[in-house]
Protein backbone atom coordinates (compact mmCIF):
# COMPACT_ATOMS: atom_id res chain seq x y z
CA UNK A 1 -9.57 -23.01 7.09
CA UNK A 2 -8.02 -19.78 8.47
CA UNK A 3 -7.36 -16.67 6.46
CA UNK A 4 -3.76 -16.09 5.41
CA UNK A 5 -1.81 -12.88 4.94
CA UNK A 6 0.34 -12.15 1.94
CA UNK A 7 3.09 -9.57 2.49
CA UNK A 8 4.39 -7.31 -0.25
CA UNK A 9 5.35 -3.69 -0.81
CA UNK A 10 2.95 -0.91 -1.73
CA UNK A 11 4.53 -0.37 -5.16
CA UNK A 12 3.46 -3.93 -6.12
CA UNK A 13 -0.21 -3.40 -5.26
CA UNK A 14 -2.36 -3.58 -8.38
CA UNK A 15 -4.76 -0.77 -9.23
CA UNK A 16 -8.11 -1.55 -7.63
CA UNK A 17 -6.53 -3.69 -4.90
CA UNK A 18 -6.59 -2.93 -1.21
CA UNK A 19 -4.09 -3.89 1.50
CA UNK A 20 -3.25 -3.04 5.09
CA UNK A 21 -0.13 -1.04 5.83
CA UNK A 22 2.33 -2.85 8.09
CA UNK A 23 5.57 -0.80 8.12
CA UNK A 24 7.41 2.14 6.57
CA UNK A 25 11.15 1.67 6.06
CA UNK A 26 12.18 5.24 5.21
CA UNK A 27 14.13 7.99 6.97
CA UNK A 28 12.34 9.48 9.98
CA UNK A 29 11.52 12.78 8.23
CA UNK A 30 9.82 11.06 5.28
CA UNK A 31 8.13 8.47 7.53
CA UNK A 32 6.75 11.30 9.68
CA UNK A 33 5.37 13.14 6.64
CA UNK A 34 3.68 9.97 5.38
CA UNK A 35 2.21 9.25 8.80
CA UNK A 36 0.73 12.76 8.92
CA UNK A 37 -0.93 11.97 5.57
CA UNK A 38 -2.52 8.85 7.04
CA UNK A 39 0.04 6.13 6.31
CA UNK A 40 -0.01 4.52 9.76
CA UNK A 41 0.20 0.81 10.64
CA UNK A 42 -3.01 -1.20 10.18
CA UNK A 43 -4.55 1.46 7.90
CA UNK A 44 -6.19 0.21 4.71
CA UNK A 45 -4.67 1.48 1.46
CA UNK A 46 -6.36 1.28 -1.95
CA UNK A 47 -4.40 1.67 -5.20
CA UNK A 48 -6.62 3.97 -7.28
CA UNK A 49 -4.74 4.70 -10.50
CA UNK A 50 -1.31 5.00 -12.10
CA UNK A 51 0.08 7.70 -14.34
CA UNK A 52 0.22 6.72 -18.04
CA UNK A 53 3.96 6.03 -17.75
CA UNK A 54 3.35 3.85 -14.66
CA UNK A 55 4.70 6.25 -12.05
CA UNK A 56 3.48 7.76 -9.74
CA UNK A 57 0.51 5.82 -8.36
CA UNK A 58 -2.41 7.43 -6.56
CA UNK A 59 -3.48 5.70 -3.35
CA UNK A 60 -6.53 6.29 -1.17
CA UNK A 61 -5.69 6.39 2.54
CA UNK A 62 -8.33 7.34 5.09
CA UNK A 63 -10.37 9.12 2.41
CA UNK A 64 -7.46 11.15 1.02
CA UNK A 65 -5.92 10.61 -2.42
CA UNK A 66 -2.12 10.66 -2.27
CA UNK A 67 0.31 10.16 -5.17
CA UNK A 68 3.56 8.35 -4.38
CA UNK A 69 6.49 7.56 -6.64
CA UNK A 70 7.53 3.94 -6.98
CA UNK A 71 10.87 4.70 -5.27
CA UNK A 72 8.95 5.71 -2.12
CA UNK A 73 6.18 3.09 -2.28
CA UNK A 74 8.68 0.24 -2.51
CA UNK A 75 9.74 1.01 1.08
CA UNK A 76 6.20 0.68 2.47
CA UNK A 77 5.28 -2.86 3.54
CA UNK A 78 1.66 -3.98 3.25
CA UNK A 79 -0.25 -7.20 3.68
CA UNK A 80 -3.48 -8.40 2.21
CA UNK A 81 -5.81 -10.95 3.77
CA UNK A 82 -6.47 -13.91 1.52
CA UNK A 83 -9.55 -16.09 1.74
CA UNK A 84 -9.06 -19.87 1.95
CA UNK A 85 -8.43 -21.30 -1.50
CA UNK A 86 -7.37 -17.93 -2.93
CA UNK A 87 -4.53 -17.92 -5.43
CA UNK A 88 -3.07 -14.77 -3.93
CA UNK A 89 -3.82 -12.47 -6.87
CA UNK A 90 -3.45 -8.79 -6.10
């Protein structure tokens, strides 16, 4: 049985979960800044921890730890690869 991909946005990624970045839907200036930080398509992103109030979240991208607010992360599309028989938990 083939692997499946589940698409979501970065802000929905649970702490401790990893996904692959697929697209950034933000103005060019912000998208460019994020890309310079390592947020480029097909890069793996790991959600490391959230602030006590739930925002921002710290992500690990290419070895760097970067904090993003939910309002920014909700415009970054990611997908995770699910093994056959997986329930899709993130």
